[in-house]
Amino acid sequence: MKAEDFDKKFDDGQSIIDDLDLSRARRPEQEQKRVNVDFPIWMIQSLDKEARRLGVPRQSIIKMWLAERLEKIAS
């Protein structure tokens, strides 16, 4: 499909999803890399308590809190 045809289809409000190769799609700056971090037991217990209270996994609490902190220092 030519770019002009693709643009027209999009501009006309038609679905273009079937015309895209999503198998290679990626979200820049969102790739993940595993890291290991050792925490004291008291910290793990506190994280688990807060995670239970919110009904989310421990990892979510850690990611959320780190993201909040990093946003503060970036602005």
PDB file of N, CA and C in Angstrom:
ATOM      1  N   MET A   1       0.844  -1.178   0.000  1.00  0.00           N
ATOM      2  CA  MET A   1       0.000   0.000   0.000  1.00  0.00           C
ATOM      3  C   MET A   1       0.887   1.238   0.000  1.00  0.00           C
ATOM      4  N   LYS A   2       0.531   2.175  -0.817  1.00  0.00           N
ATOM      5  CA  LYS A   2       1.278   3.426  -0.882  1.00  0.00           C
ATOM      6  C   LYS A   2       0.944   4.285   0.335  1.00  0.00           C
ATOM      7  N   ALA A   3       1.893   5.116   0.705  1.00  0.00           N
ATOM      8  CA  ALA A   3       1.712   5.989   1.865  1.00  0.00           C
ATOM      9  C   ALA A   3       0.502   6.894   1.698  1.00  0.00           C
ATOM     10  N   GLU A   4       0.276   7.365   0.486  1.00  0.00           N
ATOM     11  CA  GLU A   4      -0.880   8.245   0.240  1.00  0.00           C
ATOM     12  C   GLU A   4      -2.179   7.511   0.513  1.00  0.00           C
ATOM     13  N   ASP A   5      -2.264   6.248   0.080  1.00  0.00           N
ATOM     14  CA  ASP A   5      -3.470   5.451   0.314  1.00  0.00           C
ATOM     15  C   ASP A   5      -3.671   5.182   1.809  1.00  0.00           C
ATOM     16  N   PHE A   6      -2.557   4.890   2.484  1.00  0.00           N
ATOM     17  CA  PHE A   6      -2.608   4.644   3.923  1.00  0.00           C
ATOM     18  C   PHE A   6      -3.096   5.889   4.655  1.00  0.00           C
ATOM     19  N   ASP A   7      -2.524   7.044   4.318  1.00  0.00           N
ATOM     20  CA  ASP A   7      -2.918   8.308   4.945  1.00  0.00           C
ATOM     21  C   ASP A   7      -4.387   8.624   4.689  1.00  0.00           C
ATOM     22  N   LYS A   8      -4.839   8.400   3.473  1.00  0.00           N
ATOM     23  CA  LYS A   8      -6.232   8.684   3.139  1.00  0.00           C
ATOM     24  C   LYS A   8      -7.172   7.790   3.931  1.00  0.00           C
ATOM     25  N   LYS A   9      -6.812   6.514   4.013  1.00  0.00           N
ATOM     26  CA  LYS A   9      -7.629   5.563   4.781  1.00  0.00           C
ATOM     27  C   LYS A   9      -7.732   6.019   6.233  1.00  0.00           C
ATOM     28  N   PHE A  10      -6.606   6.422   6.805  1.00  0.00           N
ATOM     29  CA  PHE A  10      -6.590   6.903   8.189  1.00  0.00           C
ATOM     30  C   PHE A  10      -7.415   8.177   8.335  1.00  0.00           C
ATOM     31  N   ASP A  11      -7.178   9.130   7.436  1.00  0.00           N
ATOM     32  CA  ASP A  11      -7.890  10.417   7.492  1.00  0.00           C
ATOM     33  C   ASP A  11      -9.393  10.251   7.314  1.00  0.00           C
ATOM     34  N   ASP A  12      -9.784   9.217   6.576  1.00  0.00           N
ATOM     35  CA  ASP A  12     -11.218   8.947   6.371  1.00  0.00           C
ATOM     36  C   ASP A  12     -11.846   8.209   7.543  1.00  0.00           C
ATOM     37  N   GLY A  13     -11.036   7.906   8.554  1.00  0.00           N
ATOM     38  CA  GLY A  13     -11.563   7.252   9.749  1.00  0.00           C
ATOM     39  C   GLY A  13     -11.696   5.747   9.612  1.00  0.00           C
ATOM     40  N   GLN A  14     -11.110   5.184   8.563  1.00  0.00           N
ATOM     41  CA  GLN A  14     -11.157   3.734   8.387  1.00  0.00           C
ATOM     42  C   GLN A  14     -10.095   3.074   9.272  1.00  0.00           C
ATOM     43  N   SER A  15     -10.323   1.822   9.613  1.00  0.00           N
ATOM     44  CA  SER A  15      -9.353   1.090  10.422  1.00  0.00           C
ATOM     45  C   SER A  15      -8.117   0.769   9.581  1.00  0.00           C
ATOM     46  N   ILE A  16      -6.960   1.030  10.169  1.00  0.00           N
ATOM     47  CA  ILE A  16      -5.699   0.723   9.490  1.00  0.00           C
ATOM     48  C   ILE A  16      -4.957  -0.407  10.201  1.00  0.00           C
ATOM     49  N   ILE A  17      -5.570  -0.967  11.226  1.00  0.00           N
ATOM     50  CA  ILE A  17      -4.900  -1.961  12.055  1.00  0.00           C
ATOM     51  C   ILE A  17      -4.456  -3.180  11.247  1.00  0.00           C
ATOM     52  N   ASP A  18      -5.252  -3.591  10.270  1.00  0.00           N
ATOM     53  CA  ASP A  18      -4.886  -4.750   9.455  1.00  0.00           C
ATOM     54  C   ASP A  18      -3.731  -4.434   8.505  1.00  0.00           C
ATOM     55  N   ASP A  19      -3.435  -3.172   8.307  1.00  0.00           N
ATOM     56  CA  ASP A  19      -2.359  -2.767   7.414  1.00  0.00           C
ATOM     57  C   ASP A  19      -1.030  -2.578   8.147  1.00  0.00           C
ATOM     58  N   LEU A  20      -1.026  -2.786   9.451  1.00  0.00           N
ATOM     59  CA  LEU A  20       0.178  -2.598  10.250  1.00  0.00           C
ATOM     60  C   LEU A  20       0.794  -3.935  10.635  1.00  0.00           C
ATOM     61  N   ASP A  21       2.113  -3.991  10.706  1.00  0.00           N
ATOM     62  CA  ASP A  21       2.828  -5.170  11.200  1.00  0.00           C
ATOM     63  C   ASP A  21       3.148  -4.915  12.672  1.00  0.00           C
ATOM     64  N   LEU A  22       2.263  -5.360  13.552  1.00  0.00           N
ATOM     65  CA  LEU A  22       2.419  -5.085  14.975  1.00  0.00           C
ATOM     66  C   LEU A  22       3.392  -6.041  15.656  1.00  0.00           C
ATOM     67  N   SER A  23       3.848  -7.058  14.943  1.00  0.00           N
ATOM     68  CA  SER A  23       4.781  -8.019  15.544  1.00  0.00           C
ATOM     69  C   SER A  23       6.116  -7.363  15.885  1.00  0.00           C
ATOM     70  N   ARG A  24       6.425  -6.277  15.223  1.00  0.00           N
ATOM     71  CA  ARG A  24       7.690  -5.578  15.484  1.00  0.00           C
ATOM     72  C   ARG A  24       7.484  -4.266  16.231  1.00  0.00           C
ATOM     73  N   ALA A  25       6.280  -4.017  16.679  1.00  0.00           N
ATOM     74  CA  ALA A  25       5.994  -2.762  17.389  1.00  0.00           C
ATOM     75  C   ALA A  25       6.675  -2.781  18.755  1.00  0.00           C
ATOM     76  N   ARG A  26       7.136  -1.623  19.185  1.00  0.00           N
ATOM     77  CA  ARG A  26       7.735  -1.490  20.509  1.00  0.00           C
ATOM     78  C   ARG A  26       7.444  -0.106  21.058  1.00  0.00           C
ATOM     79  N   ARG A  27       7.572   0.010  22.344  1.00  0.00           N
ATOM     80  CA  ARG A  27       7.334   1.273  23.012  1.00  0.00           C
ATOM     81  C   ARG A  27       8.672   1.822  23.485  1.00  0.00           C
ATOM     82  N   PRO A  28       9.187   2.842  22.819  1.00  0.00           N
ATOM     83  CA  PRO A  28      10.485   3.395  23.228  1.00  0.00           C
ATOM     84  C   PRO A  28      10.487   3.807  24.699  1.00  0.00           C
ATOM     85  N   GLU A  29      11.597   3.577  25.332  1.00  0.00           N
ATOM     86  CA  GLU A  29      11.788   3.902  26.749  1.00  0.00           C
ATOM     87  C   GLU A  29      10.949   3.021  27.673  1.00  0.00           C
ATOM     88  N   GLN A  30      10.280   1.991  27.133  1.00  0.00           N
ATOM     89  CA  GLN A  30       9.451   1.125  27.963  1.00  0.00           C
ATOM     90  C   GLN A  30       9.961  -0.314  28.009  1.00  0.00           C
ATOM     91  N   GLU A  31      11.079  -0.602  27.312  1.00  0.00           N
ATOM     92  CA  GLU A  31      11.635  -1.937  27.387  1.00  0.00           C
ATOM     93  C   GLU A  31      12.007  -2.223  28.835  1.00  0.00           C
ATOM     94  N   GLN A  32      11.987  -3.491  29.199  1.00  0.00           N
ATOM     95  CA  GLN A  32      12.279  -3.827  30.584  1.00  0.00           C
ATOM     96  C   GLN A  32      13.598  -4.566  30.697  1.00  0.00           C
ATOM     97  N   LYS A  33      14.230  -4.387  31.828  1.00  0.00           N
ATOM     98  CA  LYS A  33      15.456  -5.085  32.148  1.00  0.00           C
ATOM     99  C   LYS A  33      15.359  -5.528  33.598  1.00  0.00           C
ATOM    100  N   ARG A  34      15.666  -6.765  33.833  1.00  0.00           N
ATOM    101  CA  ARG A  34      15.571  -7.317  35.185  1.00  0.00           C
ATOM    102  C   ARG A  34      16.791  -6.887  36.008  1.00  0.00           C
ATOM    103  N   VAL A  35      16.525  -6.472  37.245  1.00  0.00           N
ATOM    104  CA  VAL A  35      17.599  -6.160  38.191  1.00  0.00           C
ATOM    105  C   VAL A  35      17.287  -6.847  39.517  1.00  0.00           C
ATOM    106  N   ASN A  36      18.318  -7.147  40.245  1.00  0.00           N
ATOM    107  CA  ASN A  36      18.150  -7.753  41.573  1.00  0.00           C
ATOM    108  C   ASN A  36      18.525  -6.726  42.626  1.00  0.00           C
ATOM    109  N   VAL A  37      17.675  -6.602  43.621  1.00  0.00           N
ATOM    110  CA  VAL A  37      17.926  -5.660  44.704  1.00  0.00           C
ATOM    111  C   VAL A  37      17.675  -6.389  46.016  1.00  0.00           C
ATOM    112  N   ASP A  38      18.603  -6.266  46.933  1.00  0.00           N
ATOM    113  CA  ASP A  38      18.438  -6.865  48.256  1.00  0.00           C
ATOM    114  C   ASP A  38      17.851  -5.826  49.206  1.00  0.00           C
ATOM    115  N   PHE A  39      16.780  -6.219  49.914  1.00  0.00           N
ATOM    116  CA  PHE A  39      16.133  -5.345  50.885  1.00  0.00           C
ATOM    117  C   PHE A  39      16.209  -5.990  52.265  1.00  0.00           C
ATOM    118  N   PRO A  40      16.291  -5.175  53.310  1.00  0.00           N
ATOM    119  CA  PRO A  40      16.191  -5.729  54.665  1.00  0.00           C
ATOM    120  C   PRO A  40      14.796  -6.323  54.882  1.00  0.00           C
ATOM    121  N   ILE A  41      14.710  -7.298  55.768  1.00  0.00           N
ATOM    122  CA  ILE A  41      13.441  -7.987  56.018  1.00  0.00           C
ATOM    123  C   ILE A  41      12.349  -7.020  56.438  1.00  0.00           C
ATOM    124  N   TRP A  42      12.666  -6.041  57.283  1.00  0.00           N
ATOM    125  CA  TRP A  42      11.639  -5.104  57.738  1.00  0.00           C
ATOM    126  C   TRP A  42      11.030  -4.341  56.560  1.00  0.00           C
ATOM    127  N   MET A  43      11.875  -4.060  55.548  1.00  0.00           N
ATOM    128  CA  MET A  43      11.406  -3.319  54.388  1.00  0.00           C
ATOM    129  C   MET A  43      10.469  -4.199  53.538  1.00  0.00           C
ATOM    130  N   ILE A  44      10.839  -5.460  53.377  1.00  0.00           N
ATOM    131  CA  ILE A  44       9.993  -6.408  52.638  1.00  0.00           C
ATOM    132  C   ILE A  44       8.637  -6.546  53.329  1.00  0.00           C
ATOM    133  N   GLN A  45       8.661  -6.642  54.646  1.00  0.00           N
ATOM    134  CA  GLN A  45       7.398  -6.773  55.401  1.00  0.00           C
ATOM    135  C   GLN A  45       6.522  -5.541  55.207  1.00  0.00           C
ATOM    136  N   SER A  46       7.130  -4.370  55.240  1.00  0.00           N
ATOM    137  CA  SER A  46       6.363  -3.141  55.025  1.00  0.00           C
ATOM    138  C   SER A  46       5.817  -3.063  53.610  1.00  0.00           C
ATOM    139  N   LEU A  47       6.634  -3.442  52.635  1.00  0.00           N
ATOM    140  CA  LEU A  47       6.175  -3.459  51.244  1.00  0.00           C
ATOM    141  C   LEU A  47       5.015  -4.432  51.060  1.00  0.00           C
ATOM    142  N   ASP A  48       5.147  -5.607  51.645  1.00  0.00           N
ATOM    143  CA  ASP A  48       4.080  -6.608  51.530  1.00  0.00           C
ATOM    144  C   ASP A  48       2.785  -6.141  52.190  1.00  0.00           C
ATOM    145  N   LYS A  49       2.911  -5.478  53.322  1.00  0.00           N
ATOM    146  CA  LYS A  49       1.726  -4.965  54.017  1.00  0.00           C
ATOM    147  C   LYS A  49       0.999  -3.938  53.143  1.00  0.00           C
ATOM    148  N   GLU A  50       1.759  -3.022  52.554  1.00  0.00           N
ATOM    149  CA  GLU A  50       1.148  -1.999  51.700  1.00  0.00           C
ATOM    150  C   GLU A  50       0.580  -2.622  50.428  1.00  0.00           C
ATOM    151  N   ALA A  51       1.282  -3.594  49.879  1.00  0.00           N
ATOM    152  CA  ALA A  51       0.797  -4.272  48.671  1.00  0.00           C
ATOM    153  C   ALA A  51      -0.524  -4.989  48.950  1.00  0.00           C
ATOM    154  N   ARG A  52      -0.618  -5.660  50.085  1.00  0.00           N
ATOM    155  CA  ARG A  52      -1.884  -6.328  50.457  1.00  0.00           C
ATOM    156  C   ARG A  52      -3.003  -5.310  50.623  1.00  0.00           C
ATOM    157  N   ARG A  53      -2.679  -4.205  51.261  1.00  0.00           N
ATOM    158  CA  ARG A  53      -3.692  -3.167  51.491  1.00  0.00           C
ATOM    159  C   ARG A  53      -4.253  -2.660  50.163  1.00  0.00           C
ATOM    160  N   LEU A  54      -3.374  -2.497  49.180  1.00  0.00           N
ATOM    161  CA  LEU A  54      -3.804  -1.987  47.878  1.00  0.00           C
ATOM    162  C   LEU A  54      -4.258  -3.089  46.927  1.00  0.00           C
ATOM    163  N   GLY A  55      -3.994  -4.340  47.293  1.00  0.00           N
ATOM    164  CA  GLY A  55      -4.394  -5.457  46.446  1.00  0.00           C
ATOM    165  C   GLY A  55      -3.559  -5.588  45.185  1.00  0.00           C
ATOM    166  N   VAL A  56      -2.280  -5.282  45.303  1.00  0.00           N
ATOM    167  CA  VAL A  56      -1.371  -5.377  44.155  1.00  0.00           C
ATOM    168  C   VAL A  56      -0.127  -6.156  44.571  1.00  0.00           C
ATOM    169  N   PRO A  57       0.643  -6.654  43.619  1.00  0.00           N
ATOM    170  CA  PRO A  57       1.890  -7.349  43.965  1.00  0.00           C
ATOM    171  C   PRO A  57       2.947  -6.387  44.515  1.00  0.00           C
ATOM    172  N   ARG A  58       3.866  -6.937  45.275  1.00  0.00           N
ATOM    173  CA  ARG A  58       4.962  -6.149  45.841  1.00  0.00           C
ATOM    174  C   ARG A  58       5.705  -5.385  44.757  1.00  0.00           C
ATOM    175  N   GLN A  59       5.959  -6.036  43.637  1.00  0.00           N
ATOM    176  CA  GLN A  59       6.704  -5.411  42.548  1.00  0.00           C
ATOM    177  C   GLN A  59       6.015  -4.132  42.064  1.00  0.00           C
ATOM    178  N   SER A  60       4.697  -4.134  42.059  1.00  0.00           N
ATOM    179  CA  SER A  60       3.958  -2.946  41.615  1.00  0.00           C
ATOM    180  C   SER A  60       4.194  -1.767  42.551  1.00  0.00           C
ATOM    181  N   ILE A  61       4.212  -2.037  43.850  1.00  0.00           N
ATOM    182  CA  ILE A  61       4.467  -0.974  44.831  1.00  0.00           C
ATOM    183  C   ILE A  61       5.860  -0.381  44.595  1.00  0.00           C
ATOM    184  N   ILE A  62       6.839  -1.255  44.424  1.00  0.00           N
ATOM    185  CA  ILE A  62       8.211  -0.789  44.225  1.00  0.00           C
ATOM    186  C   ILE A  62       8.304   0.056  42.959  1.00  0.00           C
ATOM    187  N   LYS A  63       7.739  -0.429  41.874  1.00  0.00           N
ATOM    188  CA  LYS A  63       7.783   0.321  40.613  1.00  0.00           C
ATOM    189  C   LYS A  63       7.075   1.664  40.728  1.00  0.00           C
ATOM    190  N   MET A  64       5.911   1.658  41.359  1.00  0.00           N
ATOM    191  CA  MET A  64       5.130   2.882  41.489  1.00  0.00           C
ATOM    192  C   MET A  64       5.893   3.922  42.316  1.00  0.00           C
ATOM    193  N   TRP A  65       6.435   3.509  43.451  1.00  0.00           N
ATOM    194  CA  TRP A  65       7.143   4.443  44.313  1.00  0.00           C
ATOM    195  C   TRP A  65       8.417   4.965  43.649  1.00  0.00           C
ATOM    196  N   LEU A  66       9.133   4.082  42.962  1.00  0.00           N
ATOM    197  CA  LEU A  66      10.333   4.541  42.265  1.00  0.00           C
ATOM    198  C   LEU A  66       9.984   5.526  41.153  1.00  0.00           C
ATOM    199  N   ALA A  67       8.921   5.220  40.414  1.00  0.00           N
ATOM    200  CA  ALA A  67       8.497   6.113  39.326  1.00  0.00           C
ATOM    201  C   ALA A  67       8.116   7.487  39.871  1.00  0.00           C
ATOM    202  N   GLU A  68       7.381   7.514  40.978  1.00  0.00           N
ATOM    203  CA  GLU A  68       6.987   8.788  41.582  1.00  0.00           C
ATOM    204  C   GLU A  68       8.223   9.594  41.982  1.00  0.00           C
ATOM    205  N   ARG A  69       9.175   8.930  42.583  1.00  0.00           N
ATOM    206  CA  ARG A  69      10.386   9.623  43.033  1.00  0.00           C
ATOM    207  C   ARG A  69      11.192  10.145  41.848  1.00  0.00           C
ATOM    208  N   LEU A  70      11.325   9.320  40.815  1.00  0.00           N
ATOM    209  CA  LEU A  70      12.091   9.725  39.642  1.00  0.00           C
ATOM    210  C   LEU A  70      11.419  10.869  38.903  1.00  0.00           C
ATOM    211  N   GLU A  71      10.081  10.881  38.870  1.00  0.00           N
ATOM    212  CA  GLU A  71       9.365  12.002  38.256  1.00  0.00           C
ATOM    213  C   GLU A  71       9.619  13.302  39.015  1.00  0.00           C
ATOM    214  N   LYS A  72       9.678  13.207  40.340  1.00  0.00           N
ATOM    215  CA  LYS A  72       9.929  14.408  41.143  1.00  0.00           C
ATOM    216  C   LYS A  72      11.296  15.004  40.860  1.00  0.00           C
ATOM    217  N   ILE A  73      12.309  14.145  40.774  1.00  0.00           N
ATOM    218  CA  ILE A  73      13.653  14.687  40.565  1.00  0.00           C
ATOM    219  C   ILE A  73      13.889  15.102  39.125  1.00  0.00           C
ATOM    220  N   ALA A  74      13.071  14.596  38.205  1.00  0.00           N
ATOM    221  CA  ALA A  74      13.230  14.947  36.778  1.00  0.00           C
ATOM    222  C   ALA A  74      12.603  16.302  36.465  1.00  0.00           C
ATOM    223  N   SER A  75      11.673  16.726  37.294  1.00  0.00           N
ATOM    224  CA  SER A  75      10.984  17.988  36.979  1.00  0.00           C
ATOM    225  C   SER A  75      11.565  19.168  37.708  1.00  0.00           C
TER     226      SER A  75
END
